[in-house]
Amino acid sequence: MRAVVTVTGTDRRGVIAKVSGFLFEKNVNIEDVSQTILGEQFAMIMMVDGSESEVEFSALADGLEQLGKQIGMTIRLQHADIFDAMHTV
């Protein structure tokens, strides 16, 4: 399963560490990452591969959403093909 993780919110220390640590614990590989800070706003997009993870997609998405609430960010997980379709003109 290839997927896209998006993380947005007010910039704070440790965001990348928390998200990447969560994915590592679930055996999800980060294939690519892009992040930027615009003023005080943080935005990150990760392409991930969960093919070796035993966690179901919906449970992973829920876990990331809960992590986002804990760290004051919005975190979303989408299947890569859905993300691609939504962002193709």
PDB file of N, CA and C in Angstrom:
ATOM      1  N   MET A   1       0.838  -1.178   0.000  1.00  0.00           N
ATOM      2  CA  MET A   1       0.000   0.000   0.000  1.00  0.00           C
ATOM      3  C   MET A   1       0.883   1.243   0.000  1.00  0.00           C
ATOM      4  N   ARG A   2       0.781   2.008  -1.058  1.00  0.00           N
ATOM      5  CA  ARG A   2       1.468   3.303  -1.106  1.00  0.00           C
ATOM      6  C   ARG A   2       0.463   4.360  -0.704  1.00  0.00           C
ATOM      7  N   ALA A   3       0.912   5.307   0.097  1.00  0.00           N
ATOM      8  CA  ALA A   3       0.004   6.324   0.609  1.00  0.00           C
ATOM      9  C   ALA A   3       0.740   7.639   0.781  1.00  0.00           C
ATOM     10  N   VAL A   4      -0.054   8.684   0.996  1.00  0.00           N
ATOM     11  CA  VAL A   4       0.477  10.025   1.217  1.00  0.00           C
ATOM     12  C   VAL A   4       0.022  10.487   2.592  1.00  0.00           C
ATOM     13  N   VAL A   5       0.980  10.957   3.373  1.00  0.00           N
ATOM     14  CA  VAL A   5       0.701  11.539   4.688  1.00  0.00           C
ATOM     15  C   VAL A   5       0.884  13.040   4.558  1.00  0.00           C
ATOM     16  N   THR A   6      -0.116  13.809   4.962  1.00  0.00           N
ATOM     17  CA  THR A   6       0.022  15.261   4.994  1.00  0.00           C
ATOM     18  C   THR A   6      -0.072  15.722   6.440  1.00  0.00           C
ATOM     19  N   VAL A   7       0.798  16.652   6.786  1.00  0.00           N
ATOM     20  CA  VAL A   7       0.850  17.202   8.141  1.00  0.00           C
ATOM     21  C   VAL A   7       0.842  18.720   8.024  1.00  0.00           C
ATOM     22  N   THR A   8      -0.109  19.366   8.661  1.00  0.00           N
ATOM     23  CA  THR A   8      -0.182  20.829   8.618  1.00  0.00           C
ATOM     24  C   THR A   8      -0.522  21.373   9.996  1.00  0.00           C
ATOM     25  N   GLY A   9      -0.087  22.612  10.228  1.00  0.00           N
ATOM     26  CA  GLY A   9      -0.408  23.284  11.484  1.00  0.00           C
ATOM     27  C   GLY A   9       0.653  24.298  11.850  1.00  0.00           C
ATOM     28  N   THR A  10       0.503  24.878  13.011  1.00  0.00           N
ATOM     29  CA  THR A  10       1.475  25.843  13.508  1.00  0.00           C
ATOM     30  C   THR A  10       2.784  25.122  13.819  1.00  0.00           C
ATOM     31  N   ASP A  11       3.882  25.665  13.324  1.00  0.00           N
ATOM     32  CA  ASP A  11       5.186  25.033  13.489  1.00  0.00           C
ATOM     33  C   ASP A  11       5.541  24.888  14.963  1.00  0.00           C
ATOM     34  N   ARG A  12       6.108  23.726  15.281  1.00  0.00           N
ATOM     35  CA  ARG A  12       6.613  23.453  16.632  1.00  0.00           C
ATOM     36  C   ARG A  12       7.701  22.401  16.545  1.00  0.00           C
ATOM     37  N   ARG A  13       8.513  22.326  17.552  1.00  0.00           N
ATOM     38  CA  ARG A  13       9.612  21.357  17.569  1.00  0.00           C
ATOM     39  C   ARG A  13       9.083  19.934  17.668  1.00  0.00           C
ATOM     40  N   GLY A  14       9.761  19.024  17.000  1.00  0.00           N
ATOM     41  CA  GLY A  14       9.500  17.603  17.172  1.00  0.00           C
ATOM     42  C   GLY A  14       8.453  16.990  16.266  1.00  0.00           C
ATOM     43  N   VAL A  15       7.854  17.778  15.385  1.00  0.00           N
ATOM     44  CA  VAL A  15       6.788  17.246  14.537  1.00  0.00           C
ATOM     45  C   VAL A  15       7.306  16.112  13.652  1.00  0.00           C
ATOM     46  N   ILE A  16       8.392  16.352  12.943  1.00  0.00           N
ATOM     47  CA  ILE A  16       8.936  15.333  12.047  1.00  0.00           C
ATOM     48  C   ILE A  16       9.325  14.085  12.841  1.00  0.00           C
ATOM     49  N   ALA A  17       9.934  14.270  13.986  1.00  0.00           N
ATOM     50  CA  ALA A  17      10.344  13.139  14.818  1.00  0.00           C
ATOM     51  C   ALA A  17       9.145  12.317  15.281  1.00  0.00           C
ATOM     52  N   LYS A  18       8.093  12.986  15.708  1.00  0.00           N
ATOM     53  CA  LYS A  18       6.895  12.270  16.194  1.00  0.00           C
ATOM     54  C   LYS A  18       6.238  11.480  15.069  1.00  0.00           C
ATOM     55  N   VAL A  19       6.055  12.108  13.914  1.00  0.00           N
ATOM     56  CA  VAL A  19       5.372  11.438  12.801  1.00  0.00           C
ATOM     57  C   VAL A  19       6.228  10.291  12.268  1.00  0.00           C
ATOM     58  N   SER A  20       7.512  10.536  12.046  1.00  0.00           N
ATOM     59  CA  SER A  20       8.370   9.475  11.515  1.00  0.00           C
ATOM     60  C   SER A  20       8.521   8.340  12.533  1.00  0.00           C
ATOM     61  N   GLY A  21       8.573   8.657  13.821  1.00  0.00           N
ATOM     62  CA  GLY A  21       8.645   7.627  14.858  1.00  0.00           C
ATOM     63  C   GLY A  21       7.392   6.762  14.880  1.00  0.00           C
ATOM     64  N   PHE A  22       6.234   7.391  14.736  1.00  0.00           N
ATOM     65  CA  PHE A  22       4.968   6.656  14.683  1.00  0.00           C
ATOM     66  C   PHE A  22       4.965   5.694  13.500  1.00  0.00           C
ATOM     67  N   LEU A  23       5.371   6.192  12.333  1.00  0.00           N
ATOM     68  CA  LEU A  23       5.396   5.352  11.136  1.00  0.00           C
ATOM     69  C   LEU A  23       6.393   4.207  11.287  1.00  0.00           C
ATOM     70  N   PHE A  24       7.545   4.482  11.874  1.00  0.00           N
ATOM     71  CA  PHE A  24       8.550   3.448  12.116  1.00  0.00           C
ATOM     72  C   PHE A  24       7.982   2.337  13.001  1.00  0.00           C
ATOM     73  N   GLU A  25       7.288   2.729  14.062  1.00  0.00           N
ATOM     74  CA  GLU A  25       6.695   1.737  14.978  1.00  0.00           C
ATOM     75  C   GLU A  25       5.670   0.853  14.275  1.00  0.00           C
ATOM     76  N   LYS A  26       5.027   1.363  13.242  1.00  0.00           N
ATOM     77  CA  LYS A  26       4.005   0.608  12.506  1.00  0.00           C
ATOM     78  C   LYS A  26       4.599  -0.102  11.284  1.00  0.00           C
ATOM     79  N   ASN A  27       5.928  -0.060  11.144  1.00  0.00           N
ATOM     80  CA  ASN A  27       6.641  -0.695  10.029  1.00  0.00           C
ATOM     81  C   ASN A  27       6.228  -0.114   8.679  1.00  0.00           C
ATOM     82  N   VAL A  28       6.051   1.206   8.652  1.00  0.00           N
ATOM     83  CA  VAL A  28       5.734   1.927   7.428  1.00  0.00           C
ATOM     84  C   VAL A  28       6.988   2.675   6.994  1.00  0.00           C
ATOM     85  N   ASN A  29       7.396   2.469   5.750  1.00  0.00           N
ATOM     86  CA  ASN A  29       8.615   3.085   5.236  1.00  0.00           C
ATOM     87  C   ASN A  29       8.313   4.442   4.599  1.00  0.00           C
ATOM     88  N   ILE A  30       9.109   5.449   4.940  1.00  0.00           N
ATOM     89  CA  ILE A  30       9.000   6.768   4.319  1.00  0.00           C
ATOM     90  C   ILE A  30       9.876   6.746   3.070  1.00  0.00           C
ATOM     91  N   GLU A  31       9.247   6.920   1.909  1.00  0.00           N
ATOM     92  CA  GLU A  31       9.980   6.889   0.644  1.00  0.00           C
ATOM     93  C   GLU A  31      10.444   8.266   0.204  1.00  0.00           C
ATOM     94  N   ASP A  32       9.661   9.284   0.511  1.00  0.00           N
ATOM     95  CA  ASP A  32      10.006  10.640   0.106  1.00  0.00           C
ATOM     96  C   ASP A  32       9.317  11.601   1.060  1.00  0.00           C
ATOM     97  N   VAL A  33       9.928  12.756   1.257  1.00  0.00           N
ATOM     98  CA  VAL A  33       9.340  13.745   2.157  1.00  0.00           C
ATOM     99  C   VAL A  33       9.673  15.150   1.660  1.00  0.00           C
ATOM    100  N   SER A  34       8.711  16.021   1.798  1.00  0.00           N
ATOM    101  CA  SER A  34       8.901  17.431   1.493  1.00  0.00           C
ATOM    102  C   SER A  34       8.243  18.217   2.616  1.00  0.00           C
ATOM    103  N   GLN A  35       8.953  19.189   3.133  1.00  0.00           N
ATOM    104  CA  GLN A  35       8.369  20.003   4.199  1.00  0.00           C
ATOM    105  C   GLN A  35       8.793  21.443   4.024  1.00  0.00           C
ATOM    106  N   THR A  36       7.936  22.331   4.492  1.00  0.00           N
ATOM    107  CA  THR A  36       8.239  23.752   4.408  1.00  0.00           C
ATOM    108  C   THR A  36       7.600  24.469   5.587  1.00  0.00           C
ATOM    109  N   ILE A  37       8.125  25.627   5.883  1.00  0.00           N
ATOM    110  CA  ILE A  37       7.556  26.490   6.915  1.00  0.00           C
ATOM    111  C   ILE A  37       7.245  27.825   6.254  1.00  0.00           C
ATOM    112  N   LEU A  38       6.001  28.226   6.314  1.00  0.00           N
ATOM    113  CA  LEU A  38       5.543  29.490   5.744  1.00  0.00           C
ATOM    114  C   LEU A  38       5.109  30.373   6.905  1.00  0.00           C
ATOM    115  N   GLY A  39       5.962  31.311   7.269  1.00  0.00           N
ATOM    116  CA  GLY A  39       5.669  32.103   8.465  1.00  0.00           C
ATOM    117  C   GLY A  39       5.719  31.192   9.671  1.00  0.00           C
ATOM    118  N   GLU A  40       4.594  31.048  10.357  1.00  0.00           N
ATOM    119  CA  GLU A  40       4.512  30.141  11.505  1.00  0.00           C
ATOM    120  C   GLU A  40       3.824  28.828  11.152  1.00  0.00           C
ATOM    121  N   GLN A  41       3.454  28.659   9.881  1.00  0.00           N
ATOM    122  CA  GLN A  41       2.739  27.460   9.457  1.00  0.00           C
ATOM    123  C   GLN A  41       3.692  26.406   8.896  1.00  0.00           C
ATOM    124  N   PHE A  42       3.496  25.178   9.349  1.00  0.00           N
ATOM    125  CA  PHE A  42       4.297  24.037   8.950  1.00  0.00           C
ATOM    126  C   PHE A  42       3.468  23.174   7.996  1.00  0.00           C
ATOM    127  N   ALA A  43       4.084  22.689   6.926  1.00  0.00           N
ATOM    128  CA  ALA A  43       3.412  21.776   5.999  1.00  0.00           C
ATOM    129  C   ALA A  43       4.407  20.696   5.573  1.00  0.00           C
ATOM    130  N   MET A  44       3.952  19.452   5.613  1.00  0.00           N
ATOM    131  CA  MET A  44       4.813  18.343   5.213  1.00  0.00           C
ATOM    132  C   MET A  44       3.976  17.321   4.446  1.00  0.00           C
ATOM    133  N   ILE A  45       4.573  16.785   3.395  1.00  0.00           N
ATOM    134  CA  ILE A  45       3.957  15.705   2.635  1.00  0.00           C
ATOM    135  C   ILE A  45       4.965  14.558   2.590  1.00  0.00           C
ATOM    136  N   MET A  46       4.495  13.369   2.944  1.00  0.00           N
ATOM    137  CA  MET A  46       5.346  12.180   2.908  1.00  0.00           C
ATOM    138  C   MET A  46       4.712  11.140   1.996  1.00  0.00           C
ATOM    139  N   MET A  47       5.525  10.551   1.124  1.00  0.00           N
ATOM    140  CA  MET A  47       5.095   9.376   0.372  1.00  0.00           C
ATOM    141  C   MET A  47       5.576   8.185   1.178  1.00  0.00           C
ATOM    142  N   VAL A  48       4.657   7.286   1.526  1.00  0.00           N
ATOM    143  CA  VAL A  48       5.013   6.157   2.384  1.00  0.00           C
ATOM    144  C   VAL A  48       4.596   4.835   1.745  1.00  0.00           C
ATOM    145  N   ASP A  49       5.250   3.773   2.175  1.00  0.00           N
ATOM    146  CA  ASP A  49       4.931   2.421   1.731  1.00  0.00           C
ATOM    147  C   ASP A  49       4.614   1.581   2.965  1.00  0.00           C
ATOM    148  N   GLY A  50       3.380   1.139   3.058  1.00  0.00           N
ATOM    149  CA  GLY A  50       2.956   0.336   4.197  1.00  0.00           C
ATOM    150  C   GLY A  50       2.773  -1.126   3.853  1.00  0.00           C
ATOM    151  N   SER A  51       3.399  -1.584   2.767  1.00  0.00           N
ATOM    152  CA  SER A  51       3.193  -2.966   2.324  1.00  0.00           C
ATOM    153  C   SER A  51       3.721  -3.997   3.323  1.00  0.00           C
ATOM    154  N   GLU A  52       4.648  -3.621   4.174  1.00  0.00           N
ATOM    155  CA  GLU A  52       5.177  -4.556   5.170  1.00  0.00           C
ATOM    156  C   GLU A  52       4.563  -4.355   6.546  1.00  0.00           C
ATOM    157  N   SER A  53       3.655  -3.416   6.657  1.00  0.00           N
ATOM    158  CA  SER A  53       3.000  -3.153   7.933  1.00  0.00           C
ATOM    159  C   SER A  53       1.838  -4.123   8.130  1.00  0.00           C
ATOM    160  N   GLU A  54       1.634  -4.537   9.367  1.00  0.00           N
ATOM    161  CA  GLU A  54       0.498  -5.407   9.691  1.00  0.00           C
ATOM    162  C   GLU A  54      -0.713  -4.593  10.134  1.00  0.00           C
ATOM    163  N   VAL A  55      -0.573  -3.284  10.169  1.00  0.00           N
ATOM    164  CA  VAL A  55      -1.657  -2.400  10.585  1.00  0.00           C
ATOM    165  C   VAL A  55      -2.527  -2.086   9.372  1.00  0.00           C
ATOM    166  N   GLU A  56      -3.844  -2.228   9.530  1.00  0.00           N
ATOM    167  CA  GLU A  56      -4.754  -1.917   8.429  1.00  0.00           C
ATOM    168  C   GLU A  56      -4.752  -0.417   8.150  1.00  0.00           C
ATOM    169  N   PHE A  57      -5.051  -0.076   6.908  1.00  0.00           N
ATOM    170  CA  PHE A  57      -5.021   1.313   6.463  1.00  0.00           C
ATOM    171  C   PHE A  57      -5.879   2.203   7.368  1.00  0.00           C
ATOM    172  N   SER A  58      -7.095   1.794   7.658  1.00  0.00           N
ATOM    173  CA  SER A  58      -8.000   2.626   8.461  1.00  0.00           C
ATOM    174  C   SER A  58      -7.458   2.828   9.876  1.00  0.00           C
ATOM    175  N   ALA A  59      -6.849   1.803  10.452  1.00  0.00           N
ATOM    176  CA  ALA A  59      -6.266   1.929  11.793  1.00  0.00           C
ATOM    177  C   ALA A  59      -5.056   2.866  11.756  1.00  0.00           C
ATOM    178  N   LEU A  60      -4.277   2.784  10.699  1.00  0.00           N
ATOM    179  CA  LEU A  60      -3.127   3.672  10.548  1.00  0.00           C
ATOM    180  C   LEU A  60      -3.588   5.119  10.407  1.00  0.00           C
ATOM    181  N   ALA A  61      -4.621   5.330   9.596  1.00  0.00           N
ATOM    182  CA  ALA A  61      -5.168   6.677   9.408  1.00  0.00           C
ATOM    183  C   ALA A  61      -5.701   7.232  10.725  1.00  0.00           C
ATOM    184  N   ASP A  62      -6.414   6.401  11.473  1.00  0.00           N
ATOM    185  CA  ASP A  62      -6.943   6.832  12.777  1.00  0.00           C
ATOM    186  C   ASP A  62      -5.816   7.160  13.748  1.00  0.00           C
ATOM    187  N   GLY A  63      -4.782   6.322  13.766  1.00  0.00           N
ATOM    188  CA  GLY A  63      -3.645   6.555  14.652  1.00  0.00           C
ATOM    189  C   GLY A  63      -2.928   7.856  14.336  1.00  0.00           C
ATOM    190  N   LEU A  64      -2.757   8.135  13.046  1.00  0.00           N
ATOM    191  CA  LEU A  64      -2.115   9.390  12.648  1.00  0.00           C
ATOM    192  C   LEU A  64      -2.988  10.586  13.009  1.00  0.00           C
ATOM    193  N   GLU A  65      -4.300  10.451  12.841  1.00  0.00           N
ATOM    194  CA  GLU A  65      -5.200  11.546  13.213  1.00  0.00           C
ATOM    195  C   GLU A  65      -5.118  11.825  14.713  1.00  0.00           C
ATOM    196  N   GLN A  66      -5.076  10.756  15.521  1.00  0.00           N
ATOM    197  CA  GLN A  66      -4.956  10.928  16.973  1.00  0.00           C
ATOM    198  C   GLN A  66      -3.609  11.550  17.350  1.00  0.00           C
ATOM    199  N   LEU A  67      -2.554  11.119  16.690  1.00  0.00           N
ATOM    200  CA  LEU A  67      -1.238  11.718  16.926  1.00  0.00           C
ATOM    201  C   LEU A  67      -1.287  13.204  16.624  1.00  0.00           C
ATOM    202  N   GLY A  68      -1.923  13.554  15.521  1.00  0.00           N
ATOM    203  CA  GLY A  68      -2.062  14.966  15.167  1.00  0.00           C
ATOM    204  C   GLY A  68      -2.734  15.763  16.267  1.00  0.00           C
ATOM    205  N   LYS A  69      -3.791  15.221  16.840  1.00  0.00           N
ATOM    206  CA  LYS A  69      -4.485  15.913  17.933  1.00  0.00           C
ATOM    207  C   LYS A  69      -3.561  16.092  19.136  1.00  0.00           C
ATOM    208  N   GLN A  70      -2.762  15.066  19.421  1.00  0.00           N
ATOM    209  CA  GLN A  70      -1.839  15.124  20.562  1.00  0.00           C
ATOM    210  C   GLN A  70      -0.781  16.199  20.381  1.00  0.00           C
ATOM    211  N   ILE A  71      -0.321  16.406  19.149  1.00  0.00           N
ATOM    212  CA  ILE A  71       0.765  17.357  18.927  1.00  0.00           C
ATOM    213  C   ILE A  71       0.275  18.676  18.332  1.00  0.00           C
ATOM    214  N   GLY A  72      -1.034  18.845  18.232  1.00  0.00           N
ATOM    215  CA  GLY A  72      -1.594  20.113  17.756  1.00  0.00           C
ATOM    216  C   GLY A  72      -1.462  20.336  16.264  1.00  0.00           C
ATOM    217  N   MET A  73      -1.489  19.249  15.495  1.00  0.00           N
ATOM    218  CA  MET A  73      -1.363  19.332  14.029  1.00  0.00           C
ATOM    219  C   MET A  73      -2.537  18.585  13.403  1.00  0.00           C
ATOM    220  N   THR A  74      -2.736  18.791  12.112  1.00  0.00           N
ATOM    221  CA  THR A  74      -3.695  18.006  11.348  1.00  0.00           C
ATOM    222  C   THR A  74      -2.903  17.019  10.511  1.00  0.00           C
ATOM    223  N   ILE A  75      -3.172  15.723  10.703  1.00  0.00           N
ATOM    224  CA  ILE A  75      -2.455  14.686   9.963  1.00  0.00           C
ATOM    225  C   ILE A  75      -3.488  13.827   9.238  1.00  0.00           C
ATOM    226  N   ARG A  76      -3.282  13.667   7.940  1.00  0.00           N
ATOM    227  CA  ARG A  76      -4.187  12.880   7.105  1.00  0.00           C
ATOM    228  C   ARG A  76      -3.387  11.833   6.326  1.00  0.00           C
ATOM    229  N   LEU A  77      -4.024  10.683   6.128  1.00  0.00           N
ATOM    230  CA  LEU A  77      -3.446   9.611   5.330  1.00  0.00           C
ATOM    231  C   LEU A  77      -4.401   9.314   4.178  1.00  0.00           C
ATOM    232  N   GLN A  78      -3.871   9.299   2.962  1.00  0.00           N
ATOM    233  CA  GLN A  78      -4.676   8.987   1.779  1.00  0.00           C
ATOM    234  C   GLN A  78      -3.934   7.966   0.929  1.00  0.00           C
ATOM    235  N   HIS A  79      -4.691   7.076   0.282  1.00  0.00           N
ATOM    236  CA  HIS A  79      -4.076   6.181  -0.693  1.00  0.00           C
ATOM    237  C   HIS A  79      -3.410   7.039  -1.758  1.00  0.00           C
ATOM    238  N   ALA A  80      -2.260   6.654  -2.225  1.00  0.00           N
ATOM    239  CA  ALA A  80      -1.495   7.453  -3.189  1.00  0.00           C
ATOM    240  C   ALA A  80      -2.280   7.712  -4.467  1.00  0.00           C
ATOM    241  N   ASP A  81      -3.014   6.702  -4.973  1.00  0.00           N
ATOM    242  CA  ASP A  81      -3.735   6.922  -6.221  1.00  0.00           C
ATOM    243  C   ASP A  81      -4.885   7.896  -6.057  1.00  0.00           C
ATOM    244  N   ILE A  82      -5.522   7.909  -4.894  1.00  0.00           N
ATOM    245  CA  ILE A  82      -6.591   8.893  -4.637  1.00  0.00           C
ATOM    246  C   ILE A  82      -5.991  10.287  -4.548  1.00  0.00           C
ATOM    247  N   PHE A  83      -4.870  10.420  -3.841  1.00  0.00           N
ATOM    248  CA  PHE A  83      -4.182  11.692  -3.740  1.00  0.00           C
ATOM    249  C   PHE A  83      -3.792  12.194  -5.122  1.00  0.00           C
ATOM    250  N   ASP A  84      -3.220  11.314  -5.940  1.00  0.00           N
ATOM    251  CA  ASP A  84      -2.814  11.694  -7.301  1.00  0.00           C
ATOM    252  C   ASP A  84      -4.010  12.163  -8.123  1.00  0.00           C
ATOM    253  N   ALA A  85      -5.121  11.435  -8.044  1.00  0.00           N
ATOM    254  CA  ALA A  85      -6.317  11.788  -8.817  1.00  0.00           C
ATOM    255  C   ALA A  85      -6.873  13.130  -8.394  1.00  0.00           C
ATOM    256  N   MET A  86      -6.823  13.432  -7.111  1.00  0.00           N
ATOM    257  CA  MET A  86      -7.354  14.693  -6.598  1.00  0.00           C
ATOM    258  C   MET A  86      -6.485  15.877  -7.015  1.00  0.00           C
ATOM    259  N   HIS A  87      -5.208  15.629  -7.269  1.00  0.00           N
ATOM    260  CA  HIS A  87      -4.284  16.718  -7.562  1.00  0.00           C
ATOM    261  C   HIS A  87      -3.802  16.739  -9.012  1.00  0.00           C
ATOM    262  N   THR A  88      -4.530  16.040  -9.871  1.00  0.00           N
ATOM    263  CA  THR A  88      -4.227  16.043 -11.298  1.00  0.00           C
ATOM    264  C   THR A  88      -5.297  16.856 -12.012  1.00  0.00           C
ATOM    265  N   VAL A  89      -4.851  17.833 -12.801  1.00  0.00           N
ATOM    266  CA  VAL A  89      -5.797  18.679 -13.522  1.00  0.00           C
ATOM    267  C   VAL A  89      -5.933  18.193 -14.944  1.00  0.00           C
TER     268      VAL A  89
END
